[in-house]
Amino acid sequence: PFYRRALASTRSKLDTGAVNSDMLARARATLGIEESVAADLHVQTFADEVKSLLGTVDGGPFYRRALASTRSKLDTGAVNSDMLARARATLGIEESVAADLHVQTFADEVKSLLGTV
């Protein structure tokens, strides 16, 4: 919990030079945080920052826009279901919510193809 809170407050300080990667490495060593745990904490902190910048807590609006823009990429293989699953996990979107977003996105695409938008 301490390192997670430190990461959250550190984001704005990285650009100023008040905190750097060496300081974070020393904090991890002092607290006995394994690299794999630290990596997960960094990813979650980054995801929280992205959600904050997007103005969404649940990640849903961002994920829905991502779905809409990746539809054609799914057909070509440039995006696959594993990538979408990782995005859902990073954004903290539950499976039931993701399913609803997929249905909404598909419905929007059908409307667009039929010219009924």
C-alpha atoms as a PDB file:
ATOM      1  CA  PRO A   1       0.000   0.000   0.000  1.00  0.00           C
ATOM      2  CA  PHE A   2       2.786   2.446   0.824  1.00  0.00           C
ATOM      3  CA  TYR A   3       4.589   1.986  -2.498  1.00  0.00           C
ATOM      4  CA  ARG A   4       1.283   2.264  -4.403  1.00  0.00           C
ATOM      5  CA  ARG A   5       0.502   5.576  -2.689  1.00  0.00           C
ATOM      6  CA  ALA A   6       4.060   6.729  -3.349  1.00  0.00           C
ATOM      7  CA  LEU A   7       3.680   5.937  -7.054  1.00  0.00           C
ATOM      8  CA  ALA A   8       0.426   7.876  -7.240  1.00  0.00           C
ATOM      9  CA  SER A   9       2.001  10.973  -5.741  1.00  0.00           C
ATOM     10  CA  THR A  10       5.226  10.521  -7.693  1.00  0.00           C
ATOM     11  CA  ARG A  11       3.733  10.867 -11.188  1.00  0.00           C
ATOM     12  CA  SER A  12       3.658  14.663 -11.130  1.00  0.00           C
ATOM     13  CA  LYS A  13       7.144  14.802  -9.609  1.00  0.00           C
ATOM     14  CA  LEU A  14       8.867  12.740 -12.308  1.00  0.00           C
ATOM     15  CA  ASP A  15       8.798  15.618 -14.776  1.00  0.00           C
ATOM     16  CA  THR A  16      10.368  17.994 -12.237  1.00  0.00           C
ATOM     17  CA  GLY A  17      13.281  15.723 -11.344  1.00  0.00           C
ATOM     18  CA  ALA A  18      12.250  15.658  -7.665  1.00  0.00           C
ATOM     19  CA  VAL A  19      11.836  11.875  -8.015  1.00  0.00           C
ATOM     20  CA  ASN A  20      13.635   9.538 -10.385  1.00  0.00           C
ATOM     21  CA  SER A  21      13.765   5.819 -11.166  1.00  0.00           C
ATOM     22  CA  ASP A  22      16.760   5.270  -8.859  1.00  0.00           C
ATOM     23  CA  MET A  23      14.758   6.628  -5.918  1.00  0.00           C
ATOM     24  CA  LEU A  24      11.891   4.292  -6.733  1.00  0.00           C
ATOM     25  CA  ALA A  25      14.309   1.348  -7.021  1.00  0.00           C
ATOM     26  CA  ARG A  26      15.746   2.143  -3.572  1.00  0.00           C
ATOM     27  CA  ALA A  27      12.232   2.388  -2.121  1.00  0.00           C
ATOM     28  CA  ARG A  28      11.349  -1.023  -3.603  1.00  0.00           C
ATOM     29  CA  ALA A  29      14.546  -2.548  -2.190  1.00  0.00           C
ATOM     30  CA  THR A  30      13.934  -1.045   1.254  1.00  0.00           C
ATOM     31  CA  LEU A  31      10.326  -2.269   1.294  1.00  0.00           C
ATOM     32  CA  GLY A  32      11.232  -5.684  -0.147  1.00  0.00           C
ATOM     33  CA  ILE A  33       8.939  -5.349  -3.159  1.00  0.00           C
ATOM     34  CA  GLU A  34       9.628  -7.914  -5.881  1.00  0.00           C
ATOM     35  CA  GLU A  35      10.085  -6.698  -9.455  1.00  0.00           C
ATOM     36  CA  SER A  36       6.980  -8.526 -10.694  1.00  0.00           C
ATOM     37  CA  VAL A  37       4.852  -6.893  -7.978  1.00  0.00           C
ATOM     38  CA  ALA A  38       6.408  -3.505  -8.741  1.00  0.00           C
ATOM     39  CA  ALA A  39       5.644  -3.945 -12.449  1.00  0.00           C
ATOM     40  CA  ASP A  40       1.985  -4.685 -11.666  1.00  0.00           C
ATOM     41  CA  LEU A  41       1.816  -1.628  -9.397  1.00  0.00           C
ATOM     42  CA  HIS A  42       3.350   0.549 -12.105  1.00  0.00           C
ATOM     43  CA  VAL A  43       0.850  -0.695 -14.705  1.00  0.00           C
ATOM     44  CA  GLN A  44      -2.082  -0.076 -12.354  1.00  0.00           C
ATOM     45  CA  THR A  45      -0.803   3.402 -11.490  1.00  0.00           C
ATOM     46  CA  PHE A  46      -0.418   4.180 -15.196  1.00  0.00           C
ATOM     47  CA  ALA A  47      -3.945   2.891 -15.856  1.00  0.00           C
ATOM     48  CA  ASP A  48      -5.281   5.082 -13.055  1.00  0.00           C
ATOM     49  CA  GLU A  49      -3.516   8.083 -14.583  1.00  0.00           C
ATOM     50  CA  VAL A  50      -4.966   7.338 -18.024  1.00  0.00           C
ATOM     51  CA  LYS A  51      -8.463   7.000 -16.563  1.00  0.00           C
ATOM     52  CA  SER A  52      -7.999  10.261 -14.714  1.00  0.00           C
ATOM     53  CA  LEU A  53      -6.887  12.072 -17.868  1.00  0.00           C
ATOM     54  CA  LEU A  54      -9.799  10.604 -19.816  1.00  0.00           C
ATOM     55  CA  GLY A  55     -12.210  11.720 -17.118  1.00  0.00           C
ATOM     56  CA  THR A  56     -13.573   8.240 -16.515  1.00  0.00           C
ATOM     57  CA  VAL A  57     -13.414   6.086 -13.437  1.00  0.00           C
ATOM     58  CA  ASP A  58     -14.575   2.792 -14.909  1.00  0.00           C
ATOM     59  CA  GLY A  59     -12.701   2.954 -18.220  1.00  0.00           C
ATOM     60  CA  GLY A  60     -15.907   2.111 -20.110  1.00  0.00           C
ATOM     61  CA  PRO A  61     -16.055   5.143 -22.420  1.00  0.00           C
ATOM     62  CA  PHE A  62     -12.395   4.697 -23.374  1.00  0.00           C
ATOM     63  CA  TYR A  63     -12.822   0.952 -23.962  1.00  0.00           C
ATOM     64  CA  ARG A  64     -15.926   1.546 -26.085  1.00  0.00           C
ATOM     65  CA  ARG A  65     -14.053   4.061 -28.271  1.00  0.00           C
ATOM     66  CA  ALA A  66     -11.185   1.590 -28.539  1.00  0.00           C
ATOM     67  CA  LEU A  67     -13.606  -1.144 -29.630  1.00  0.00           C
ATOM     68  CA  ALA A  68     -15.121   1.084 -32.284  1.00  0.00           C
ATOM     69  CA  SER A  69     -11.717   1.966 -33.694  1.00  0.00           C
ATOM     70  CA  THR A  70     -10.368  -1.596 -33.622  1.00  0.00           C
ATOM     71  CA  ARG A  71     -13.221  -3.382 -35.413  1.00  0.00           C
ATOM     72  CA  SER A  72     -11.416  -3.466 -38.734  1.00  0.00           C
ATOM     73  CA  LYS A  73      -8.164  -4.390 -37.002  1.00  0.00           C
ATOM     74  CA  LEU A  74      -9.825  -7.478 -35.514  1.00  0.00           C
ATOM     75  CA  ASP A  75     -10.576  -8.704 -39.033  1.00  0.00           C
ATOM     76  CA  THR A  76      -6.949  -8.282 -40.119  1.00  0.00           C
ATOM     77  CA  GLY A  77      -5.463  -9.766 -36.947  1.00  0.00           C
ATOM     78  CA  ALA A  78      -3.730  -6.527 -35.937  1.00  0.00           C
ATOM     79  CA  VAL A  79      -5.776  -6.703 -32.714  1.00  0.00           C
ATOM     80  CA  ASN A  80      -6.877  -9.932 -31.061  1.00  0.00           C
ATOM     81  CA  SER A  81      -9.050 -11.000 -28.151  1.00  0.00           C
ATOM     82  CA  ASP A  82      -6.024 -11.340 -25.834  1.00  0.00           C
ATOM     83  CA  MET A  83      -5.172  -7.671 -26.420  1.00  0.00           C
ATOM     84  CA  LEU A  84      -8.753  -6.674 -25.630  1.00  0.00           C
ATOM     85  CA  ALA A  85      -8.685  -8.832 -22.487  1.00  0.00           C
ATOM     86  CA  ARG A  86      -5.507  -7.106 -21.304  1.00  0.00           C
ATOM     87  CA  ALA A  87      -7.100  -3.705 -21.971  1.00  0.00           C
ATOM     88  CA  ARG A  88     -10.175  -4.723 -19.959  1.00  0.00           C
ATOM     89  CA  ALA A  89      -7.995  -5.930 -17.096  1.00  0.00           C
ATOM     90  CA  THR A  90      -5.870  -2.790 -17.118  1.00  0.00           C
ATOM     91  CA  LEU A  91      -8.934  -0.560 -17.134  1.00  0.00           C
ATOM     92  CA  GLY A  92     -10.671  -2.674 -14.509  1.00  0.00           C
ATOM     93  CA  ILE A  93     -13.706  -3.418 -16.667  1.00  0.00           C
ATOM     94  CA  GLU A  94     -15.793  -6.387 -15.488  1.00  0.00           C
ATOM     95  CA  GLU A  95     -16.718  -9.089 -18.001  1.00  0.00           C
ATOM     96  CA  SER A  96     -20.434  -8.258 -17.870  1.00  0.00           C
ATOM     97  CA  VAL A  97     -19.735  -4.573 -18.543  1.00  0.00           C
ATOM     98  CA  ALA A  98     -17.346  -5.489 -21.370  1.00  0.00           C
ATOM     99  CA  ALA A  99     -20.014  -7.710 -22.923  1.00  0.00           C
ATOM    100  CA  ASP A 100     -22.514  -4.835 -22.840  1.00  0.00           C
ATOM    101  CA  LEU A 101     -19.933  -2.529 -24.442  1.00  0.00           C
ATOM    102  CA  HIS A 102     -19.268  -5.078 -27.187  1.00  0.00           C
ATOM    103  CA  VAL A 103     -22.992  -5.392 -27.901  1.00  0.00           C
ATOM    104  CA  GLN A 104     -23.432  -1.603 -27.998  1.00  0.00           C
ATOM    105  CA  THR A 105     -20.448  -1.221 -30.315  1.00  0.00           C
ATOM    106  CA  PHE A 106     -21.707  -3.978 -32.622  1.00  0.00           C
ATOM    107  CA  ALA A 107     -25.175  -2.389 -32.700  1.00  0.00           C
ATOM    108  CA  ASP A 108     -23.615   0.959 -33.601  1.00  0.00           C
ATOM    109  CA  GLU A 109     -21.663  -0.661 -36.417  1.00  0.00           C
ATOM    110  CA  VAL A 110     -24.785  -2.351 -37.796  1.00  0.00           C
ATOM    111  CA  LYS A 111     -26.674   0.966 -37.683  1.00  0.00           C
ATOM    112  CA  SER A 112     -23.784   2.637 -39.465  1.00  0.00           C
ATOM    113  CA  LEU A 113     -23.709  -0.022 -42.189  1.00  0.00           C
ATOM    114  CA  LEU A 114     -27.471   0.262 -42.636  1.00  0.00           C
ATOM    115  CA  GLY A 115     -27.297   4.054 -42.670  1.00  0.00           C
ATOM    116  CA  THR A 116     -29.625   4.431 -39.698  1.00  0.00           C
ATOM    117  CA  VAL A 117     -27.340   6.361 -37.378  1.00  0.00           C
END
